[in-house]
Amino acid sequence: MTKKYDLHTHSIFSPDSITPVEKLCERYVALGLSGFALTDHGSIDGWKQAKDYIHKKKLPLDFIPACEFVTTKGDIIGLYLSDMIYSRDPLEIIDSIHSQGGLVILPHPFDGIRGSACHPDKLGKEGVRKLDGIETFNARAGKGANERAAAFASGHSLAQTGGSDTHFLFEAGNGYTCVPSGMGLEKAIRAKKTSGIGSLSPIYVHGPTTLVKFGKKLGFLPKP
């Protein structure tokens, strides 16, 4: 049986989301996914809350400690992390992720709407060689952007992953990574046996996300 993991999610621990970690956990159980990676922007503060809740409720859910790092060249996701990385240099972050035994995924690299997208050209040949995978389905990116990401991954022998990039609970699970039966997620990514799939979220989600960011900054919306 194919397993499904959402490898790009945001919670209240991101500056532009107010989704409780517990609600994310319950949502993925309800959707029947095998697990998810919590990839808050520049934060790992939600890890303990997620782990504790899954353990306390005995949820049938794999949790992948992760982070979407904000670098000088754009966003980079690290999976299977053990510690926070405070550099903003993309190559330093990539090396630090690998030194922790983690995996480096380039999220929404061809999304022309978001200035946070890290186009592979920004990393240079050295950086691209060090990538483990490309997010080839991001539910918040357009069809064309995802297709370009898939073509790039294929042309550079990189694993393909998928994620919802959820900031609001209704987006959770809109994008996910498929893992072949009998394989673990980490092994499947390293073996380049994964695929990204899902359905696109409505384009209007970007507007409310910006409003949440300003609302939290001004103190109108809750912070963890």
N, C-alpha and C. Protein backbone atom coordinates (compact mmCIF):
# COMPACT_ATOMS: atom_id res chain seq x y z
N MET A 1 0.84 -1.20 0.00
CA MET A 1 0.00 0.00 0.00
C MET A 1 0.87 1.25 0.00
N THR A 2 0.62 2.15 -0.93
CA THR A 2 1.38 3.40 -1.02
C THR A 2 1.12 4.27 0.20
N LYS A 3 2.18 4.82 0.77
CA LYS A 3 2.05 5.72 1.91
C LYS A 3 2.14 7.16 1.43
N LYS A 4 1.47 8.05 2.17
CA LYS A 4 1.41 9.46 1.77
C LYS A 4 1.87 10.35 2.94
N TYR A 5 2.74 11.29 2.62
CA TYR A 5 3.27 12.23 3.60
C TYR A 5 3.18 13.65 3.06
N ASP A 6 2.67 14.55 3.87
CA ASP A 6 2.70 15.98 3.51
C ASP A 6 4.01 16.54 4.05
N LEU A 7 4.90 16.92 3.15
CA LEU A 7 6.25 17.34 3.58
C LEU A 7 6.46 18.85 3.55
N HIS A 8 5.36 19.61 3.59
CA HIS A 8 5.50 21.07 3.63
C HIS A 8 4.28 21.64 4.34
N THR A 9 4.43 21.92 5.64
CA THR A 9 3.30 22.40 6.45
C THR A 9 3.74 23.53 7.38
N HIS A 10 2.77 24.38 7.71
CA HIS A 10 3.04 25.50 8.62
C HIS A 10 2.00 25.56 9.73
N SER A 11 2.46 25.97 10.90
CA SER A 11 1.59 26.05 12.06
C SER A 11 1.70 27.45 12.67
N ILE A 12 1.11 27.62 13.83
CA ILE A 12 1.15 28.89 14.54
C ILE A 12 2.58 29.33 14.85
N PHE A 13 3.53 28.41 14.75
CA PHE A 13 4.93 28.75 15.00
C PHE A 13 5.58 29.41 13.78
N SER A 14 4.85 29.52 12.67
CA SER A 14 5.31 30.31 11.53
C SER A 14 4.71 31.71 11.68
N PRO A 15 5.39 32.76 11.19
CA PRO A 15 4.88 34.12 11.36
C PRO A 15 3.62 34.41 10.55
N ASP A 16 3.26 33.52 9.60
CA ASP A 16 2.10 33.79 8.74
C ASP A 16 1.03 32.70 8.83
N SER A 17 0.96 32.03 9.98
CA SER A 17 -0.06 31.00 10.19
C SER A 17 -0.53 31.04 11.64
N ILE A 18 -1.80 30.68 11.84
CA ILE A 18 -2.33 30.59 13.21
C ILE A 18 -2.89 29.19 13.47
N THR A 19 -2.51 28.23 12.64
CA THR A 19 -3.02 26.86 12.78
C THR A 19 -2.36 26.15 13.96
N PRO A 20 -3.13 25.67 14.93
CA PRO A 20 -2.54 24.94 16.05
C PRO A 20 -1.91 23.63 15.59
N VAL A 21 -0.78 23.28 16.19
CA VAL A 21 -0.10 22.04 15.85
C VAL A 21 -1.00 20.83 16.07
N GLU A 22 -1.76 20.85 17.15
CA GLU A 22 -2.63 19.73 17.47
C GLU A 22 -3.69 19.51 16.37
N LYS A 23 -4.21 20.61 15.85
CA LYS A 23 -5.22 20.52 14.78
C LYS A 23 -4.62 19.91 13.52
N LEU A 24 -3.36 20.25 13.22
CA LEU A 24 -2.69 19.66 12.08
C LEU A 24 -2.58 18.14 12.25
N CYS A 25 -2.16 17.72 13.43
CA CYS A 25 -2.02 16.29 13.69
C CYS A 25 -3.34 15.56 13.49
N GLU A 26 -4.40 16.09 14.06
CA GLU A 26 -5.71 15.45 13.94
C GLU A 26 -6.19 15.43 12.49
N ARG A 27 -5.89 16.49 11.77
CA ARG A 27 -6.32 16.58 10.37
C ARG A 27 -5.67 15.49 9.52
N TYR A 28 -4.38 15.27 9.74
CA TYR A 28 -3.69 14.25 8.94
C TYR A 28 -4.15 12.84 9.27
N VAL A 29 -4.52 12.62 10.50
CA VAL A 29 -5.10 11.32 10.86
C VAL A 29 -6.43 11.14 10.14
N ALA A 30 -7.27 12.18 10.16
CA ALA A 30 -8.57 12.12 9.51
C ALA A 30 -8.44 11.90 8.00
N LEU A 31 -7.39 12.46 7.40
CA LEU A 31 -7.16 12.31 5.97
C LEU A 31 -6.55 10.97 5.60
N GLY A 32 -6.08 10.25 6.60
CA GLY A 32 -5.49 8.94 6.34
C GLY A 32 -4.05 8.98 5.86
N LEU A 33 -3.37 10.12 6.06
CA LEU A 33 -1.97 10.20 5.67
C LEU A 33 -1.10 9.46 6.69
N SER A 34 0.07 9.03 6.23
CA SER A 34 0.98 8.30 7.11
C SER A 34 1.75 9.22 8.04
N GLY A 35 1.92 10.47 7.65
CA GLY A 35 2.65 11.40 8.49
C GLY A 35 2.85 12.73 7.80
N PHE A 36 3.57 13.63 8.50
CA PHE A 36 3.82 14.95 7.93
C PHE A 36 5.11 15.53 8.51
N ALA A 37 5.66 16.49 7.79
CA ALA A 37 6.83 17.23 8.25
C ALA A 37 6.37 18.63 8.63
N LEU A 38 6.71 19.06 9.82
CA LEU A 38 6.39 20.43 10.25
C LEU A 38 7.54 21.33 9.81
N THR A 39 7.27 22.19 8.82
CA THR A 39 8.33 23.00 8.20
C THR A 39 8.07 24.48 8.44
N ASP A 40 7.94 24.86 9.69
CA ASP A 40 7.70 26.27 9.98
C ASP A 40 8.85 27.14 9.50
N HIS A 41 8.51 28.38 9.15
CA HIS A 41 9.51 29.31 8.65
C HIS A 41 10.52 29.66 9.75
N GLY A 42 11.75 29.24 9.58
CA GLY A 42 12.80 29.63 10.51
C GLY A 42 12.54 29.27 11.95
N SER A 43 11.81 28.19 12.21
CA SER A 43 11.50 27.82 13.59
C SER A 43 11.34 26.31 13.72
N ILE A 44 11.83 25.80 14.85
CA ILE A 44 11.62 24.38 15.19
C ILE A 44 10.84 24.27 16.50
N ASP A 45 10.25 25.38 16.92
CA ASP A 45 9.59 25.43 18.23
C ASP A 45 8.35 24.55 18.32
N GLY A 46 7.78 24.16 17.17
CA GLY A 46 6.59 23.34 17.21
C GLY A 46 6.85 21.85 17.33
N TRP A 47 8.10 21.45 17.20
CA TRP A 47 8.44 20.01 17.21
C TRP A 47 7.95 19.31 18.46
N LYS A 48 8.33 19.84 19.63
CA LYS A 48 8.01 19.17 20.89
C LYS A 48 6.49 19.05 21.06
N GLN A 49 5.79 20.10 20.70
CA GLN A 49 4.33 20.08 20.84
C GLN A 49 3.73 18.99 19.97
N ALA A 50 4.23 18.87 18.73
CA ALA A 50 3.71 17.85 17.82
C ALA A 50 4.03 16.45 18.34
N LYS A 51 5.28 16.23 18.72
CA LYS A 51 5.69 14.92 19.22
C LYS A 51 4.91 14.52 20.46
N ASP A 52 4.77 15.46 21.40
CA ASP A 52 4.07 15.17 22.65
C ASP A 52 2.60 14.84 22.39
N TYR A 53 1.99 15.59 21.48
CA TYR A 53 0.56 15.37 21.21
C TYR A 53 0.34 14.02 20.53
N ILE A 54 1.18 13.70 19.55
CA ILE A 54 1.06 12.41 18.86
C ILE A 54 1.24 11.26 19.84
N HIS A 55 2.23 11.40 20.74
CA HIS A 55 2.48 10.36 21.75
C HIS A 55 1.33 10.25 22.74
N LYS A 56 0.86 11.39 23.22
CA LYS A 56 -0.21 11.41 24.23
C LYS A 56 -1.50 10.80 23.68
N LYS A 57 -1.83 11.15 22.44
CA LYS A 57 -3.08 10.67 21.84
C LYS A 57 -2.92 9.33 21.12
N LYS A 58 -1.67 8.83 21.10
CA LYS A 58 -1.38 7.56 20.41
C LYS A 58 -1.87 7.58 18.96
N LEU A 59 -1.53 8.67 18.27
CA LEU A 59 -1.98 8.83 16.89
C LEU A 59 -1.12 7.99 15.94
N PRO A 60 -1.73 7.35 14.96
CA PRO A 60 -0.97 6.55 13.98
C PRO A 60 -0.35 7.46 12.93
N LEU A 61 0.65 8.22 13.35
CA LEU A 61 1.18 9.27 12.51
C LEU A 61 2.69 9.38 12.68
N ASP A 62 3.41 9.39 11.57
CA ASP A 62 4.86 9.63 11.62
C ASP A 62 5.11 11.13 11.59
N PHE A 63 5.95 11.60 12.49
CA PHE A 63 6.29 13.02 12.51
C PHE A 63 7.73 13.20 12.06
N ILE A 64 7.94 14.09 11.08
CA ILE A 64 9.28 14.37 10.58
C ILE A 64 9.71 15.76 11.04
N PRO A 65 10.68 15.87 11.93
CA PRO A 65 11.15 17.19 12.37
C PRO A 65 11.85 17.91 11.22
N ALA A 66 11.39 19.10 10.91
CA ALA A 66 11.88 19.79 9.72
C ALA A 66 11.79 21.30 9.91
N CYS A 67 12.23 22.02 8.89
CA CYS A 67 12.19 23.49 8.94
C CYS A 67 12.31 24.03 7.52
N GLU A 68 11.59 25.11 7.25
CA GLU A 68 11.77 25.84 6.00
C GLU A 68 12.65 27.05 6.32
N PHE A 69 13.91 26.93 5.97
CA PHE A 69 14.89 27.98 6.30
C PHE A 69 14.78 29.16 5.33
N VAL A 70 14.88 30.34 5.90
CA VAL A 70 14.87 31.57 5.11
C VAL A 70 16.32 31.95 4.85
N THR A 71 16.77 31.83 3.62
CA THR A 71 18.16 32.12 3.28
C THR A 71 18.25 33.38 2.43
N THR A 72 19.44 33.81 2.17
CA THR A 72 19.66 35.00 1.35
C THR A 72 19.29 34.75 -0.11
N LYS A 73 19.12 33.49 -0.49
CA LYS A 73 18.77 33.15 -1.86
C LYS A 73 17.34 32.62 -2.00
N GLY A 74 16.67 32.45 -0.89
CA GLY A 74 15.31 31.90 -0.92
C GLY A 74 15.15 30.73 0.03
N ASP A 75 13.98 30.12 0.01
CA ASP A 75 13.64 29.07 0.98
C ASP A 75 14.29 27.73 0.66
N ILE A 76 14.70 27.04 1.73
CA ILE A 76 15.25 25.69 1.64
C ILE A 76 14.66 24.87 2.78
N ILE A 77 14.19 23.68 2.48
CA ILE A 77 13.62 22.80 3.51
C ILE A 77 14.64 21.74 3.92
N GLY A 78 14.75 21.56 5.22
CA GLY A 78 15.55 20.48 5.77
C GLY A 78 14.64 19.48 6.46
N LEU A 79 14.77 18.20 6.12
CA LEU A 79 13.98 17.14 6.74
C LEU A 79 14.86 16.30 7.65
N TYR A 80 14.27 15.69 8.66
CA TYR A 80 14.97 14.82 9.61
C TYR A 80 16.09 15.57 10.33
N LEU A 81 15.73 16.70 10.86
CA LEU A 81 16.70 17.53 11.59
C LEU A 81 16.72 17.16 13.07
N SER A 82 17.79 17.56 13.72
CA SER A 82 17.88 17.38 15.17
C SER A 82 18.05 18.71 15.89
N ASP A 83 18.53 19.72 15.18
CA ASP A 83 18.79 21.03 15.79
C ASP A 83 18.47 22.15 14.81
N MET A 84 18.28 23.35 15.36
CA MET A 84 18.05 24.53 14.54
C MET A 84 19.37 24.99 13.90
N ILE A 85 19.28 25.59 12.74
CA ILE A 85 20.45 26.13 12.04
C ILE A 85 20.20 27.63 11.89
N TYR A 86 21.14 28.44 12.33
CA TYR A 86 20.91 29.87 12.39
C TYR A 86 21.56 30.67 11.27
N SER A 87 22.30 30.03 10.41
CA SER A 87 22.89 30.72 9.26
C SER A 87 21.82 31.11 8.26
N ARG A 88 22.11 32.11 7.44
CA ARG A 88 21.22 32.48 6.33
C ARG A 88 21.89 32.20 4.98
N ASP A 89 23.09 31.65 5.03
CA ASP A 89 23.79 31.31 3.81
C ASP A 89 23.29 29.95 3.32
N PRO A 90 22.77 29.87 2.10
CA PRO A 90 22.15 28.62 1.65
C PRO A 90 23.08 27.42 1.62
N LEU A 91 24.33 27.62 1.19
CA LEU A 91 25.26 26.49 1.13
C LEU A 91 25.66 26.03 2.53
N GLU A 92 25.80 26.97 3.45
CA GLU A 92 26.09 26.59 4.84
C GLU A 92 24.93 25.80 5.44
N ILE A 93 23.72 26.24 5.14
CA ILE A 93 22.54 25.55 5.65
C ILE A 93 22.45 24.14 5.08
N ILE A 94 22.69 24.01 3.79
CA ILE A 94 22.66 22.68 3.15
C ILE A 94 23.66 21.75 3.80
N ASP A 95 24.88 22.25 4.02
CA ASP A 95 25.91 21.42 4.65
C ASP A 95 25.53 21.06 6.09
N SER A 96 24.92 22.02 6.80
CA SER A 96 24.51 21.76 8.18
C SER A 96 23.39 20.74 8.26
N ILE A 97 22.46 20.79 7.32
CA ILE A 97 21.39 19.80 7.27
C ILE A 97 21.98 18.41 7.08
N HIS A 98 22.91 18.30 6.14
CA HIS A 98 23.53 17.00 5.88
C HIS A 98 24.37 16.52 7.07
N SER A 99 25.00 17.45 7.77
CA SER A 99 25.81 17.05 8.93
C SER A 99 24.95 16.47 10.05
N GLN A 100 23.65 16.80 10.04
CA GLN A 100 22.72 16.24 11.01
C GLN A 100 22.10 14.94 10.52
N GLY A 101 22.50 14.51 9.31
CA GLY A 101 21.91 13.32 8.73
C GLY A 101 20.59 13.59 8.05
N GLY A 102 20.30 14.87 7.80
CA GLY A 102 19.03 15.25 7.21
C GLY A 102 19.05 15.29 5.69
N LEU A 103 17.90 15.62 5.12
CA LEU A 103 17.73 15.70 3.68
C LEU A 103 17.39 17.13 3.28
N VAL A 104 17.90 17.55 2.14
CA VAL A 104 17.69 18.91 1.65
C VAL A 104 16.71 18.90 0.48
N ILE A 105 15.61 19.63 0.63
CA ILE A 105 14.60 19.73 -0.40
C ILE A 105 14.43 21.19 -0.80
N LEU A 106 14.37 21.45 -2.10
CA LEU A 106 14.15 22.81 -2.60
C LEU A 106 12.66 22.98 -2.87
N PRO A 107 11.98 23.83 -2.07
CA PRO A 107 10.53 23.97 -2.24
C PRO A 107 10.15 25.03 -3.28
N HIS A 108 9.05 24.76 -3.97
CA HIS A 108 8.48 25.69 -4.97
C HIS A 108 9.52 26.55 -5.70
N PRO A 109 10.54 25.92 -6.31
CA PRO A 109 11.66 26.69 -6.89
C PRO A 109 11.31 27.55 -8.09
N PHE A 110 10.21 27.23 -8.78
CA PHE A 110 9.86 27.98 -9.99
C PHE A 110 8.57 28.80 -9.83
N ASP A 111 8.18 29.02 -8.58
CA ASP A 111 6.99 29.83 -8.31
C ASP A 111 7.31 31.30 -8.54
N GLY A 112 6.72 31.88 -9.56
CA GLY A 112 7.01 33.27 -9.90
C GLY A 112 6.27 34.28 -9.04
N ILE A 113 5.30 33.83 -8.25
CA ILE A 113 4.52 34.74 -7.41
C ILE A 113 5.27 35.11 -6.14
N ARG A 114 5.96 34.11 -5.56
CA ARG A 114 6.62 34.33 -4.28
C ARG A 114 8.09 34.71 -4.43
N GLY A 115 8.45 35.82 -3.83
CA GLY A 115 9.84 36.24 -3.87
C GLY A 115 10.74 35.35 -3.05
N SER A 116 10.14 34.48 -2.22
CA SER A 116 10.94 33.60 -1.36
C SER A 116 11.40 32.35 -2.09
N ALA A 117 10.96 32.16 -3.33
CA ALA A 117 11.36 30.97 -4.08
C ALA A 117 12.84 31.01 -4.40
N CYS A 118 13.50 29.89 -4.19
CA CYS A 118 14.94 29.79 -4.50
C CYS A 118 15.10 29.06 -5.82
N HIS A 119 15.26 29.81 -6.89
CA HIS A 119 15.49 29.21 -8.20
C HIS A 119 16.82 28.47 -8.16
N PRO A 120 16.90 27.28 -8.75
CA PRO A 120 18.15 26.51 -8.69
C PRO A 120 19.38 27.29 -9.15
N ASP A 121 19.23 28.20 -10.10
CA ASP A 121 20.36 28.99 -10.58
C ASP A 121 21.01 29.79 -9.46
N LYS A 122 20.22 30.14 -8.44
CA LYS A 122 20.76 30.93 -7.33
C LYS A 122 21.74 30.14 -6.49
N LEU A 123 21.63 28.82 -6.55
CA LEU A 123 22.52 27.96 -5.75
C LEU A 123 23.80 27.62 -6.48
N GLY A 124 23.81 27.79 -7.80
CA GLY A 124 24.98 27.40 -8.58
C GLY A 124 25.08 25.89 -8.71
N LYS A 125 26.02 25.43 -9.49
CA LYS A 125 26.16 24.00 -9.73
C LYS A 125 26.48 23.23 -8.45
N GLU A 126 27.31 23.84 -7.59
CA GLU A 126 27.68 23.17 -6.33
C GLU A 126 26.45 22.94 -5.47
N GLY A 127 25.62 23.97 -5.34
CA GLY A 127 24.43 23.85 -4.51
C GLY A 127 23.45 22.83 -5.05
N VAL A 128 23.23 22.84 -6.36
CA VAL A 128 22.30 21.89 -6.97
C VAL A 128 22.77 20.45 -6.76
N ARG A 129 24.08 20.24 -6.86
CA ARG A 129 24.63 18.89 -6.66
C ARG A 129 24.38 18.38 -5.24
N LYS A 130 24.27 19.29 -4.31
CA LYS A 130 24.10 18.89 -2.91
C LYS A 130 22.63 18.68 -2.52
N LEU A 131 21.70 19.00 -3.41
CA LEU A 131 20.29 18.81 -3.11
C LEU A 131 19.94 17.32 -3.10
N ASP A 132 19.00 16.96 -2.24
CA ASP A 132 18.49 15.60 -2.24
C ASP A 132 17.20 15.49 -3.05
N GLY A 133 16.46 16.57 -3.10
CA GLY A 133 15.20 16.51 -3.82
C GLY A 133 14.65 17.88 -4.16
N ILE A 134 13.63 17.86 -5.01
CA ILE A 134 12.92 19.06 -5.42
C ILE A 134 11.43 18.85 -5.12
N GLU A 135 10.79 19.87 -4.60
CA GLU A 135 9.35 19.80 -4.39
C GLU A 135 8.69 19.99 -5.76
N THR A 136 8.19 18.91 -6.32
CA THR A 136 7.63 18.97 -7.67
C THR A 136 6.12 19.15 -7.67
N PHE A 137 5.51 19.04 -6.47
CA PHE A 137 4.11 19.44 -6.34
C PHE A 137 3.95 20.25 -5.08
N ASN A 138 3.64 21.53 -5.26
CA ASN A 138 3.33 22.43 -4.15
C ASN A 138 1.92 22.94 -4.42
N ALA A 139 1.01 22.68 -3.48
CA ALA A 139 -0.39 23.00 -3.71
C ALA A 139 -0.65 24.50 -3.86
N ARG A 140 0.31 25.33 -3.42
CA ARG A 140 0.16 26.77 -3.55
C ARG A 140 0.87 27.32 -4.80
N ALA A 141 1.57 26.50 -5.50
CA ALA A 141 2.24 26.93 -6.73
C ALA A 141 1.35 26.59 -7.92
N GLY A 142 1.56 27.26 -9.02
CA GLY A 142 0.76 26.99 -10.20
C GLY A 142 1.18 25.71 -10.90
N LYS A 143 0.31 25.25 -11.80
CA LYS A 143 0.59 24.03 -12.54
C LYS A 143 1.89 24.11 -13.31
N GLY A 144 2.12 25.25 -13.98
CA GLY A 144 3.34 25.42 -14.76
C GLY A 144 4.59 25.37 -13.91
N ALA A 145 4.53 26.01 -12.72
CA ALA A 145 5.68 26.01 -11.81
C ALA A 145 6.00 24.60 -11.35
N ASN A 146 4.97 23.82 -11.05
CA ASN A 146 5.19 22.44 -10.62
C ASN A 146 5.74 21.58 -11.76
N GLU A 147 5.26 21.81 -12.96
CA GLU A 147 5.76 21.04 -14.11
C GLU A 147 7.23 21.35 -14.38
N ARG A 148 7.61 22.61 -14.24
CA ARG A 148 9.03 22.98 -14.42
C ARG A 148 9.89 22.34 -13.35
N ALA A 149 9.37 22.28 -12.13
CA ALA A 149 10.12 21.65 -11.03
C ALA A 149 10.31 20.16 -11.30
N ALA A 150 9.27 19.51 -11.81
CA ALA A 150 9.37 18.08 -12.11
C ALA A 150 10.38 17.82 -13.22
N ALA A 151 10.38 18.68 -14.23
CA ALA A 151 11.33 18.52 -15.33
C ALA A 151 12.76 18.72 -14.84
N PHE A 152 12.95 19.68 -13.96
CA PHE A 152 14.29 19.94 -13.42
C PHE A 152 14.76 18.76 -12.58
N ALA A 153 13.88 18.24 -11.75
CA ALA A 153 14.24 17.09 -10.91
C ALA A 153 14.64 15.89 -11.76
N SER A 154 13.88 15.64 -12.80
CA SER A 154 14.18 14.51 -13.69
C SER A 154 15.51 14.71 -14.40
N GLY A 155 15.76 15.94 -14.82
CA GLY A 155 17.00 16.23 -15.54
C GLY A 155 18.24 16.23 -14.68
N HIS A 156 18.07 16.31 -13.37
CA HIS A 156 19.22 16.37 -12.46
C HIS A 156 19.23 15.21 -11.47
N SER A 157 18.44 14.17 -11.75
CA SER A 157 18.41 12.96 -10.92
C SER A 157 18.16 13.27 -9.44
N LEU A 158 17.13 14.08 -9.18
CA LEU A 158 16.78 14.45 -7.83
C LEU A 158 15.44 13.81 -7.45
N ALA A 159 15.29 13.52 -6.19
CA ALA A 159 14.02 12.97 -5.72
C ALA A 159 12.92 14.00 -5.89
N GLN A 160 11.70 13.51 -6.06
CA GLN A 160 10.55 14.39 -6.23
C GLN A 160 9.64 14.26 -5.01
N THR A 161 9.27 15.41 -4.43
CA THR A 161 8.40 15.40 -3.25
C THR A 161 7.20 16.31 -3.47
N GLY A 162 6.21 16.15 -2.61
CA GLY A 162 5.02 16.98 -2.68
C GLY A 162 4.61 17.46 -1.30
N GLY A 163 4.00 18.63 -1.27
CA GLY A 163 3.52 19.18 -0.01
C GLY A 163 2.42 20.19 -0.23
N SER A 164 1.58 20.35 0.77
CA SER A 164 0.46 21.28 0.67
C SER A 164 0.89 22.73 0.86
N ASP A 165 1.99 22.93 1.60
CA ASP A 165 2.41 24.30 1.98
C ASP A 165 1.27 24.95 2.76
N THR A 166 0.56 24.13 3.53
CA THR A 166 -0.60 24.62 4.26
C THR A 166 -0.24 25.69 5.29
N HIS A 167 -1.03 26.76 5.29
CA HIS A 167 -0.97 27.77 6.33
C HIS A 167 -2.31 27.80 7.08
N PHE A 168 -3.35 27.31 6.40
CA PHE A 168 -4.68 27.21 6.99
C PHE A 168 -5.11 25.74 6.98
N LEU A 169 -5.88 25.34 7.96
CA LEU A 169 -6.16 23.93 8.15
C LEU A 169 -6.83 23.27 6.94
N PHE A 170 -7.67 24.03 6.22
CA PHE A 170 -8.38 23.42 5.09
C PHE A 170 -7.44 23.05 3.95
N GLU A 171 -6.21 23.59 3.96
CA GLU A 171 -5.24 23.26 2.91
C GLU A 171 -4.48 21.97 3.18
N ALA A 172 -4.48 21.53 4.41
CA ALA A 172 -3.66 20.38 4.81
C ALA A 172 -3.97 19.16 3.95
N GLY A 173 -2.94 18.55 3.43
CA GLY A 173 -3.10 17.35 2.62
C GLY A 173 -3.42 17.61 1.16
N ASN A 174 -3.50 18.88 0.75
CA ASN A 174 -3.76 19.17 -0.67
C ASN A 174 -2.60 18.72 -1.56
N GLY A 175 -1.43 18.64 -0.98
CA GLY A 175 -0.27 18.11 -1.68
C GLY A 175 0.45 17.12 -0.79
N TYR A 176 1.02 16.07 -1.37
CA TYR A 176 1.70 15.08 -0.54
C TYR A 176 2.72 14.29 -1.36
N THR A 177 3.56 13.57 -0.64
CA THR A 177 4.60 12.74 -1.23
C THR A 177 4.18 11.28 -1.16
N CYS A 178 4.24 10.60 -2.27
CA CYS A 178 3.89 9.17 -2.32
C CYS A 178 5.14 8.32 -2.14
N VAL A 179 5.05 7.33 -1.27
CA VAL A 179 6.15 6.41 -0.98
C VAL A 179 5.72 4.99 -1.35
N PRO A 180 6.53 4.29 -2.13
CA PRO A 180 6.15 2.93 -2.54
C PRO A 180 5.94 2.00 -1.35
N SER A 181 5.09 1.05 -1.54
CA SER A 181 4.81 0.06 -0.51
C SER A 181 6.09 -0.66 -0.10
N GLY A 182 6.25 -0.83 1.20
CA GLY A 182 7.41 -1.56 1.71
C GLY A 182 8.65 -0.72 1.93
N MET A 183 8.58 0.58 1.64
CA MET A 183 9.74 1.47 1.83
C MET A 183 9.42 2.53 2.86
N GLY A 184 10.44 2.91 3.62
CA GLY A 184 10.30 4.03 4.52
C GLY A 184 10.49 5.33 3.75
N LEU A 185 9.97 6.43 4.29
CA LEU A 185 10.05 7.72 3.61
C LEU A 185 11.49 8.14 3.32
N GLU A 186 12.32 8.13 4.36
CA GLU A 186 13.70 8.60 4.18
C GLU A 186 14.44 7.76 3.13
N LYS A 187 14.30 6.47 3.22
CA LYS A 187 14.96 5.58 2.27
C LYS A 187 14.45 5.82 0.85
N ALA A 188 13.15 6.03 0.73
CA ALA A 188 12.55 6.25 -0.59
C ALA A 188 13.05 7.55 -1.23
N ILE A 189 13.20 8.60 -0.41
CA ILE A 189 13.73 9.86 -0.95
C ILE A 189 15.16 9.68 -1.41
N ARG A 190 15.97 9.02 -0.58
CA ARG A 190 17.38 8.82 -0.95
C ARG A 190 17.50 7.94 -2.20
N ALA A 191 16.55 7.04 -2.37
CA ALA A 191 16.58 6.15 -3.54
C ALA A 191 15.86 6.76 -4.75
N LYS A 192 15.32 7.97 -4.56
CA LYS A 192 14.60 8.68 -5.63
C LYS A 192 13.40 7.88 -6.12
N LYS A 193 12.66 7.33 -5.16
CA LYS A 193 11.50 6.51 -5.50
C LYS A 193 10.18 7.22 -5.15
N THR A 194 10.24 8.47 -4.72
CA THR A 194 9.04 9.19 -4.32
C THR A 194 8.46 9.99 -5.47
N SER A 195 7.24 10.46 -5.29
CA SER A 195 6.60 11.34 -6.27
C SER A 195 5.73 12.36 -5.54
N GLY A 196 5.56 13.51 -6.15
CA GLY A 196 4.71 14.55 -5.58
C GLY A 196 3.38 14.60 -6.31
N ILE A 197 2.29 14.72 -5.55
CA ILE A 197 0.96 14.69 -6.17
C ILE A 197 0.00 15.51 -5.31
N GLY A 198 -1.18 15.78 -5.84
CA GLY A 198 -2.19 16.49 -5.06
C GLY A 198 -3.10 17.34 -5.91
N SER A 199 -3.82 18.25 -5.26
CA SER A 199 -4.71 19.19 -5.95
C SER A 199 -4.34 20.60 -5.51
N LEU A 200 -4.39 21.53 -6.43
CA LEU A 200 -3.98 22.90 -6.14
C LEU A 200 -4.95 23.60 -5.19
N SER A 201 -4.40 24.36 -4.27
CA SER A 201 -5.22 25.20 -3.40
C SER A 201 -5.66 26.44 -4.17
N PRO A 202 -6.77 27.05 -3.79
CA PRO A 202 -7.22 28.27 -4.48
C PRO A 202 -6.19 29.38 -4.34
N ILE A 203 -6.05 30.17 -5.40
CA ILE A 203 -5.00 31.19 -5.42
C ILE A 203 -5.22 32.26 -4.35
N TYR A 204 -6.47 32.42 -3.89
CA TYR A 204 -6.75 33.47 -2.92
C TYR A 204 -6.09 33.23 -1.56
N VAL A 205 -5.54 32.04 -1.31
CA VAL A 205 -4.95 31.76 0.01
C VAL A 205 -3.77 32.67 0.32
N HIS A 206 -3.13 33.20 -0.72
CA HIS A 206 -1.96 34.06 -0.48
C HIS A 206 -2.35 35.36 0.22
N GLY A 207 -3.52 35.90 -0.11
CA GLY A 207 -3.96 37.15 0.51
C GLY A 207 -4.16 37.03 2.01
N PRO A 208 -4.98 36.08 2.46
CA PRO A 208 -5.18 35.90 3.90
C PRO A 208 -3.88 35.57 4.65
N THR A 209 -2.95 34.88 3.97
CA THR A 209 -1.67 34.56 4.60
C THR A 209 -0.92 35.84 4.93
N THR A 210 -0.93 36.78 4.00
CA THR A 210 -0.27 38.07 4.23
C THR A 210 -0.95 38.83 5.36
N LEU A 211 -2.29 38.77 5.40
CA LEU A 211 -3.02 39.46 6.46
C LEU A 211 -2.70 38.86 7.83
N VAL A 212 -2.57 37.53 7.88
CA VAL A 212 -2.21 36.87 9.14
C VAL A 212 -0.83 37.33 9.60
N LYS A 213 0.09 37.43 8.67
CA LYS A 213 1.45 37.86 9.00
C LYS A 213 1.45 39.24 9.65
N PHE A 214 0.71 40.17 9.03
CA PHE A 214 0.65 41.52 9.58
C PHE A 214 -0.14 41.55 10.88
N GLY A 215 -1.19 40.73 10.96
CA GLY A 215 -1.99 40.68 12.17
C GLY A 215 -1.21 40.19 13.37
N LYS A 216 -0.35 39.20 13.15
CA LYS A 216 0.49 38.69 14.24
C LYS A 216 1.56 39.71 14.61
N LYS A 217 2.10 40.36 13.58
CA LYS A 217 3.15 41.36 13.83
C LYS A 217 2.61 42.53 14.66
N LEU A 218 1.35 42.92 14.38
CA LEU A 218 0.75 44.04 15.09
C LEU A 218 0.09 43.64 16.39
N GLY A 219 0.05 42.35 16.68
CA GLY A 219 -0.51 41.87 17.94
C GLY A 219 -2.00 41.63 17.93
N PHE A 220 -2.62 41.64 16.75
CA PHE A 220 -4.06 41.40 16.65
C PHE A 220 -4.40 39.92 16.64
N LEU A 221 -3.45 39.08 16.26
CA LEU A 221 -3.67 37.64 16.15
C LEU A 221 -2.74 36.90 17.10
N PRO A 222 -3.15 35.72 17.54
CA PRO A 222 -2.37 34.98 18.55
C PRO A 222 -1.03 34.47 18.06
N LYS A 223 -0.08 34.46 18.97
CA LYS A 223 1.22 33.85 18.74
C LYS A 223 1.37 32.70 19.73
N PRO A 224 2.26 31.76 19.47
CA PRO A 224 2.42 30.63 20.40
C PRO A 224 2.98 31.08 21.74
